[in-house]
């Protein structure tokens, strides 16, 4: 019985990976970028820590820039 179960499990094809969602720059620009740049009372902006750290690094903003470009 166990042999049949193992054979059935090992004989199955792996599930196909989910289809990749298309990137939507307009959504990013309108909904995500403002959060990263938002000044939060008593806290640093997200870009302050993530703009150059080794983890979850964002590209540094050019000097004097208020947002990223396409």
PDB file of N, CA and C in Angstrom:
ATOM      1  N   UNK A   1       0.828  -1.191   0.000  1.00  0.00           N
ATOM      2  CA  UNK A   1       0.000   0.000   0.000  1.00  0.00           C
ATOM      3  C   UNK A   1       0.873   1.257   0.000  1.00  0.00           C
ATOM      4  N   UNK A   2       1.865   1.291   0.898  1.00  0.00           N
ATOM      5  CA  UNK A   2       2.775   2.440   0.984  1.00  0.00           C
ATOM      6  C   UNK A   2       3.530   2.615  -0.326  1.00  0.00           C
ATOM      7  N   UNK A   3       3.897   1.492  -0.937  1.00  0.00           N
ATOM      8  CA  UNK A   3       4.614   1.554  -2.207  1.00  0.00           C
ATOM      9  C   UNK A   3       3.767   2.212  -3.292  1.00  0.00           C
ATOM     10  N   UNK A   4       2.485   1.895  -3.314  1.00  0.00           N
ATOM     11  CA  UNK A   4       1.581   2.502  -4.295  1.00  0.00           C
ATOM     12  C   UNK A   4       1.440   4.000  -4.062  1.00  0.00           C
ATOM     13  N   UNK A   5       1.355   4.385  -2.803  1.00  0.00           N
ATOM     14  CA  UNK A   5       1.238   5.808  -2.465  1.00  0.00           C
ATOM     15  C   UNK A   5       2.483   6.568  -2.884  1.00  0.00           C
ATOM     16  N   UNK A   6       3.653   6.019  -2.572  1.00  0.00           N
ATOM     17  CA  UNK A   6       4.904   6.661  -2.967  1.00  0.00           C
ATOM     18  C   UNK A   6       5.029   6.750  -4.483  1.00  0.00           C
ATOM     19  N   UNK A   7       4.672   5.688  -5.168  1.00  0.00           N
ATOM     20  CA  UNK A   7       4.734   5.686  -6.625  1.00  0.00           C
ATOM     21  C   UNK A   7       3.809   6.754  -7.204  1.00  0.00           C
ATOM     22  N   UNK A   8       2.632   6.884  -6.620  1.00  0.00           N
ATOM     23  CA  UNK A   8       1.678   7.883  -7.106  1.00  0.00           C
ATOM     24  C   UNK A   8       2.205   9.296  -6.851  1.00  0.00           C
ATOM     25  N   UNK A   9       2.778   9.524  -5.670  1.00  0.00           N
ATOM     26  CA  UNK A   9       3.301  10.849  -5.342  1.00  0.00           C
ATOM     27  C   UNK A   9       4.509  11.207  -6.190  1.00  0.00           C
ATOM     28  N   UNK A  10       5.415  10.255  -6.369  1.00  0.00           N
ATOM     29  CA  UNK A  10       6.632  10.520  -7.133  1.00  0.00           C
ATOM     30  C   UNK A  10       6.361  10.631  -8.621  1.00  0.00           C
ATOM     31  N   UNK A  11       5.283  10.037  -9.087  1.00  0.00           N
ATOM     32  CA  UNK A  11       4.957  10.071 -10.500  1.00  0.00           C
ATOM     33  C   UNK A  11       4.248  11.347 -10.930  1.00  0.00           C
ATOM     34  N   UNK A  12       3.823  12.148  -9.975  1.00  0.00           N
ATOM     35  CA  UNK A  12       3.100  13.366 -10.322  1.00  0.00           C
ATOM     36  C   UNK A  12       4.057  14.426 -10.841  1.00  0.00           C
ATOM     37  N   UNK A  13       3.599  15.170 -11.795  1.00  0.00           N
ATOM     38  CA  UNK A  13       4.371  16.290 -12.319  1.00  0.00           C
ATOM     39  C   UNK A  13       4.259  17.459 -11.346  1.00  0.00           C
ATOM     40  N   UNK A  14       5.330  18.237 -11.183  1.00  0.00           N
ATOM     41  CA  UNK A  14       5.237  19.399 -10.297  1.00  0.00           C
ATOM     42  C   UNK A  14       4.228  20.402 -10.845  1.00  0.00           C
ATOM     43  N   UNK A  15       3.606  21.104  -9.940  1.00  0.00           N
ATOM     44  CA  UNK A  15       2.626  22.117 -10.349  1.00  0.00           C
ATOM     45  C   UNK A  15       3.346  23.238 -11.094  1.00  0.00           C
ATOM     46  N   UNK A  16       2.685  23.774 -12.081  1.00  0.00           N
ATOM     47  CA  UNK A  16       3.263  24.879 -12.844  1.00  0.00           C
ATOM     48  C   UNK A  16       3.336  26.109 -11.953  1.00  0.00           C
ATOM     49  N   UNK A  17       4.404  26.885 -12.076  1.00  0.00           N
ATOM     50  CA  UNK A  17       4.489  28.098 -11.264  1.00  0.00           C
ATOM     51  C   UNK A  17       3.395  29.072 -11.667  1.00  0.00           C
ATOM     52  N   UNK A  18       2.929  29.889 -10.744  1.00  0.00           N
ATOM     53  CA  UNK A  18       1.878  30.844 -11.095  1.00  0.00           C
ATOM     54  C   UNK A  18       2.386  31.842 -12.131  1.00  0.00           C
ATOM     55  N   UNK A  19       1.499  32.310 -12.953  1.00  0.00           N
ATOM     56  CA  UNK A  19       1.869  33.289 -13.977  1.00  0.00           C
ATOM     57  C   UNK A  19       2.352  34.568 -13.300  1.00  0.00           C
ATOM     58  N   UNK A  20       3.418  35.120 -13.823  1.00  0.00           N
ATOM     59  CA  UNK A  20       3.967  36.352 -13.258  1.00  0.00           C
ATOM     60  C   UNK A  20       3.019  37.511 -13.563  1.00  0.00           C
ATOM     61  N   UNK A  21       2.791  38.324 -12.570  1.00  0.00           N
ATOM     62  CA  UNK A  21       1.943  39.498 -12.765  1.00  0.00           C
ATOM     63  C   UNK A  21       2.750  40.561 -13.517  1.00  0.00           C
ATOM     64  N   UNK A  22       2.104  41.243 -14.413  1.00  0.00           N
ATOM     65  CA  UNK A  22       2.760  42.306 -15.156  1.00  0.00           C
ATOM     66  C   UNK A  22       3.043  43.479 -14.222  1.00  0.00           C
ATOM     67  N   UNK A  23       4.204  44.080 -14.387  1.00  0.00           N
ATOM     68  CA  UNK A  23       4.529  45.250 -13.580  1.00  0.00           C
ATOM     69  C   UNK A  23       3.728  46.439 -14.085  1.00  0.00           C
ATOM     70  N   UNK A  24       3.235  47.223 -13.170  1.00  0.00           N
ATOM     71  CA  UNK A  24       2.413  48.376 -13.514  1.00  0.00           C
ATOM     72  C   UNK A  24       3.076  49.624 -12.944  1.00  0.00           C
ATOM     73  N   UNK A  25       3.832  50.321 -13.770  1.00  0.00           N
ATOM     74  CA  UNK A  25       4.581  51.488 -13.299  1.00  0.00           C
ATOM     75  C   UNK A  25       3.640  52.589 -12.799  1.00  0.00           C
ATOM     76  N   UNK A  26       2.508  52.769 -13.447  1.00  0.00           N
ATOM     77  CA  UNK A  26       1.571  53.811 -13.010  1.00  0.00           C
ATOM     78  C   UNK A  26       1.068  53.523 -11.590  1.00  0.00           C
ATOM     79  N   UNK A  27       0.797  52.244 -11.283  1.00  0.00           N
ATOM     80  CA  UNK A  27       0.385  51.878  -9.933  1.00  0.00           C
ATOM     81  C   UNK A  27       1.508  52.176  -8.946  1.00  0.00           C
ATOM     82  N   UNK A  28       2.734  51.789  -9.299  1.00  0.00           N
ATOM     83  CA  UNK A  28       3.886  52.049  -8.431  1.00  0.00           C
ATOM     84  C   UNK A  28       4.029  53.550  -8.169  1.00  0.00           C
ATOM     85  N   UNK A  29       3.969  54.327  -9.247  1.00  0.00           N
ATOM     86  CA  UNK A  29       4.182  55.771  -9.140  1.00  0.00           C
ATOM     87  C   UNK A  29       3.088  56.428  -8.292  1.00  0.00           C
ATOM     88  N   UNK A  30       1.863  55.953  -8.427  1.00  0.00           N
ATOM     89  CA  UNK A  30       0.743  56.568  -7.713  1.00  0.00           C
ATOM     90  C   UNK A  30       0.572  56.046  -6.291  1.00  0.00           C
ATOM     91  N   UNK A  31       0.868  54.763  -6.040  1.00  0.00           N
ATOM     92  CA  UNK A  31       0.521  54.167  -4.747  1.00  0.00           C
ATOM     93  C   UNK A  31       1.716  53.754  -3.887  1.00  0.00           C
ATOM     94  N   UNK A  32       2.823  53.342  -4.510  1.00  0.00           N
ATOM     95  CA  UNK A  32       3.962  52.821  -3.740  1.00  0.00           C
ATOM     96  C   UNK A  32       5.003  53.904  -3.477  1.00  0.00           C
ATOM     97  N   UNK A  33       5.432  54.594  -4.521  1.00  0.00           N
ATOM     98  CA  UNK A  33       6.477  55.610  -4.368  1.00  0.00           C
ATOM     99  C   UNK A  33       6.138  56.654  -3.304  1.00  0.00           C
ATOM    100  N   UNK A  34       4.902  57.155  -3.241  1.00  0.00           N
ATOM    101  CA  UNK A  34       4.592  58.137  -2.202  1.00  0.00           C
ATOM    102  C   UNK A  34       4.812  57.597  -0.785  1.00  0.00           C
ATOM    103  N   UNK A  35       4.550  56.327  -0.570  1.00  0.00           N
ATOM    104  CA  UNK A  35       4.761  55.736   0.761  1.00  0.00           C
ATOM    105  C   UNK A  35       6.243  55.730   1.099  1.00  0.00           C
ATOM    106  N   UNK A  36       7.086  55.400   0.122  1.00  0.00           N
ATOM    107  CA  UNK A  36       8.525  55.350   0.355  1.00  0.00           C
ATOM    108  C   UNK A  36       9.100  56.726   0.671  1.00  0.00           C
ATOM    109  N   UNK A  37       8.492  57.769   0.128  1.00  0.00           N
ATOM    110  CA  UNK A  37       9.016  59.127   0.286  1.00  0.00           C
ATOM    111  C   UNK A  37       8.296  59.942   1.356  1.00  0.00           C
ATOM    112  N   UNK A  38       7.207  59.426   1.874  1.00  0.00           N
ATOM    113  CA  UNK A  38       6.366  60.161   2.823  1.00  0.00           C
ATOM    114  C   UNK A  38       7.128  60.505   4.107  1.00  0.00           C
ATOM    115  N   UNK A  39       7.021  61.756   4.522  1.00  0.00           N
ATOM    116  CA  UNK A  39       7.588  62.169   5.805  1.00  0.00           C
ATOM    117  C   UNK A  39       6.605  61.756   6.883  1.00  0.00           C
ATOM    118  N   UNK A  40       7.097  60.991   7.866  1.00  0.00           N
ATOM    119  CA  UNK A  40       6.238  60.475   8.920  1.00  0.00           C
ATOM    120  C   UNK A  40       6.644  61.108  10.238  1.00  0.00           C
ATOM    121  N   UNK A  41       5.697  61.636  10.952  1.00  0.00           N
ATOM    122  CA  UNK A  41       5.969  62.322  12.208  1.00  0.00           C
ATOM    123  C   UNK A  41       6.664  61.387  13.194  1.00  0.00           C
ATOM    124  N   UNK A  42       7.814  61.819  13.676  1.00  0.00           N
ATOM    125  CA  UNK A  42       8.557  61.052  14.656  1.00  0.00           C
ATOM    126  C   UNK A  42       9.317  59.866  14.096  1.00  0.00           C
ATOM    127  N   UNK A  43       9.298  59.683  12.793  1.00  0.00           N
ATOM    128  CA  UNK A  43       9.975  58.547  12.156  1.00  0.00           C
ATOM    129  C   UNK A  43      10.666  59.003  10.885  1.00  0.00           C
ATOM    130  N   UNK A  44      11.637  58.241  10.484  1.00  0.00           N
ATOM    131  CA  UNK A  44      12.339  58.537   9.232  1.00  0.00           C
ATOM    132  C   UNK A  44      11.510  58.057   8.046  1.00  0.00           C
ATOM    133  N   UNK A  45      11.738  58.685   6.906  1.00  0.00           N
ATOM    134  CA  UNK A  45      11.112  58.203   5.680  1.00  0.00           C
ATOM    135  C   UNK A  45      11.715  56.848   5.333  1.00  0.00           C
ATOM    136  N   UNK A  46      10.959  55.986   4.676  1.00  0.00           N
ATOM    137  CA  UNK A  46      11.442  54.651   4.309  1.00  0.00           C
ATOM    138  C   UNK A  46      12.742  54.734   3.504  1.00  0.00           C
ATOM    139  N   UNK A  47      12.807  55.691   2.592  1.00  0.00           N
ATOM    140  CA  UNK A  47      13.976  55.825   1.730  1.00  0.00           C
ATOM    141  C   UNK A  47      15.232  56.165   2.533  1.00  0.00           C
ATOM    142  N   UNK A  48      15.086  56.729   3.709  1.00  0.00           N
ATOM    143  CA  UNK A  48      16.246  57.069   4.520  1.00  0.00           C
ATOM    144  C   UNK A  48      17.038  55.821   4.879  1.00  0.00           C
ATOM    145  N   UNK A  49      16.367  54.776   5.294  1.00  0.00           N
ATOM    146  CA  UNK A  49      17.051  53.537   5.668  1.00  0.00           C
ATOM    147  C   UNK A  49      17.297  52.632   4.474  1.00  0.00           C
ATOM    148  N   UNK A  50      16.350  52.586   3.554  1.00  0.00           N
ATOM    149  CA  UNK A  50      16.446  51.643   2.449  1.00  0.00           C
ATOM    150  C   UNK A  50      17.178  52.222   1.247  1.00  0.00           C
ATOM    151  N   UNK A  51      17.567  53.470   1.303  1.00  0.00           N
ATOM    152  CA  UNK A  51      18.297  54.087   0.196  1.00  0.00           C
ATOM    153  C   UNK A  51      19.783  53.874   0.341  1.00  0.00           C
ATOM    154  N   UNK A  52      20.238  52.654   0.241  1.00  0.00           N
ATOM    155  CA  UNK A  52      21.661  52.385   0.292  1.00  0.00           C
ATOM    156  C   UNK A  52      22.042  51.269   1.237  1.00  0.00           C
ATOM    157  N   UNK A  53      21.101  50.758   2.012  1.00  0.00           N
ATOM    158  CA  UNK A  53      21.428  49.637   2.897  1.00  0.00           C
ATOM    159  C   UNK A  53      21.579  48.374   2.062  1.00  0.00           C
ATOM    160  N   UNK A  54      22.148  47.361   2.637  1.00  0.00           N
ATOM    161  CA  UNK A  54      22.355  46.108   1.910  1.00  0.00           C
ATOM    162  C   UNK A  54      21.061  45.325   1.747  1.00  0.00           C
ATOM    163  N   UNK A  55      20.090  45.533   2.622  1.00  0.00           N
ATOM    164  CA  UNK A  55      18.838  44.795   2.578  1.00  0.00           C
ATOM    165  C   UNK A  55      17.729  45.691   2.040  1.00  0.00           C
ATOM    166  N   UNK A  56      16.951  45.169   1.124  1.00  0.00           N
ATOM    167  CA  UNK A  56      15.823  45.920   0.537  1.00  0.00           C
ATOM    168  C   UNK A  56      16.268  47.290   0.039  1.00  0.00           C
ATOM    169  N   UNK A  57      17.336  47.301  -0.703  1.00  0.00           N
ATOM    170  CA  UNK A  57      17.941  48.563  -1.132  1.00  0.00           C
ATOM    171  C   UNK A  57      17.144  49.226  -2.250  1.00  0.00           C
ATOM    172  N   UNK A  58      16.926  50.496  -2.099  1.00  0.00           N
ATOM    173  CA  UNK A  58      16.330  51.329  -3.139  1.00  0.00           C
ATOM    174  C   UNK A  58      17.449  52.112  -3.807  1.00  0.00           C
ATOM    175  N   UNK A  59      17.258  52.450  -5.048  1.00  0.00           N
ATOM    176  CA  UNK A  59      18.228  53.289  -5.731  1.00  0.00           C
ATOM    177  C   UNK A  59      18.208  54.662  -5.068  1.00  0.00           C
ATOM    178  N   UNK A  60      19.377  55.228  -4.831  1.00  0.00           N
ATOM    179  CA  UNK A  60      19.444  56.555  -4.207  1.00  0.00           C
ATOM    180  C   UNK A  60      18.798  57.589  -5.112  1.00  0.00           C
ATOM    181  N   UNK A  61      18.108  58.529  -4.489  1.00  0.00           N
ATOM    182  CA  UNK A  61      17.523  59.638  -5.248  1.00  0.00           C
ATOM    183  C   UNK A  61      18.649  60.571  -5.679  1.00  0.00           C
ATOM    184  N   UNK A  62      18.583  61.096  -6.890  1.00  0.00           N
ATOM    185  CA  UNK A  62      19.571  62.103  -7.295  1.00  0.00           C
ATOM    186  C   UNK A  62      19.465  63.324  -6.380  1.00  0.00           C
ATOM    187  N   UNK A  63      20.567  64.017  -6.199  1.00  0.00           N
ATOM    188  CA  UNK A  63      20.599  65.205  -5.337  1.00  0.00           C
ATOM    189  C   UNK A  63      19.505  66.185  -5.740  1.00  0.00           C
ATOM    190  N   UNK A  64      18.671  66.572  -4.794  1.00  0.00           N
ATOM    191  CA  UNK A  64      17.594  67.526  -5.016  1.00  0.00           C
ATOM    192  C   UNK A  64      16.332  66.933  -5.621  1.00  0.00           C
ATOM    193  N   UNK A  65      16.332  65.640  -5.966  1.00  0.00           N
ATOM    194  CA  UNK A  65      15.158  65.016  -6.571  1.00  0.00           C
ATOM    195  C   UNK A  65      14.121  64.706  -5.490  1.00  0.00           C
ATOM    196  N   UNK A  66      12.868  64.769  -5.873  1.00  0.00           N
ATOM    197  CA  UNK A  66      11.771  64.457  -4.946  1.00  0.00           C
ATOM    198  C   UNK A  66      11.098  63.133  -5.267  1.00  0.00           C
ATOM    199  N   UNK A  67      11.504  62.484  -6.370  1.00  0.00           N
ATOM    200  CA  UNK A  67      10.980  61.171  -6.727  1.00  0.00           C
ATOM    201  C   UNK A  67      11.917  60.503  -7.713  1.00  0.00           C
ATOM    202  N   UNK A  68      11.660  59.234  -7.990  1.00  0.00           N
ATOM    203  CA  UNK A  68      12.461  58.518  -8.975  1.00  0.00           C
ATOM    204  C   UNK A  68      11.854  58.724 -10.352  1.00  0.00           C
ATOM    205  N   UNK A  69      12.639  58.513 -11.371  1.00  0.00           N
ATOM    206  CA  UNK A  69      12.146  58.653 -12.735  1.00  0.00           C
ATOM    207  C   UNK A  69      11.873  57.264 -13.313  1.00  0.00           C
ATOM    208  N   UNK A  70      11.210  57.243 -14.434  1.00  0.00           N
ATOM    209  CA  UNK A  70      10.935  55.968 -15.102  1.00  0.00           C
ATOM    210  C   UNK A  70      12.230  55.325 -15.492  1.00  0.00           C
TER     211      UNK A  70
END
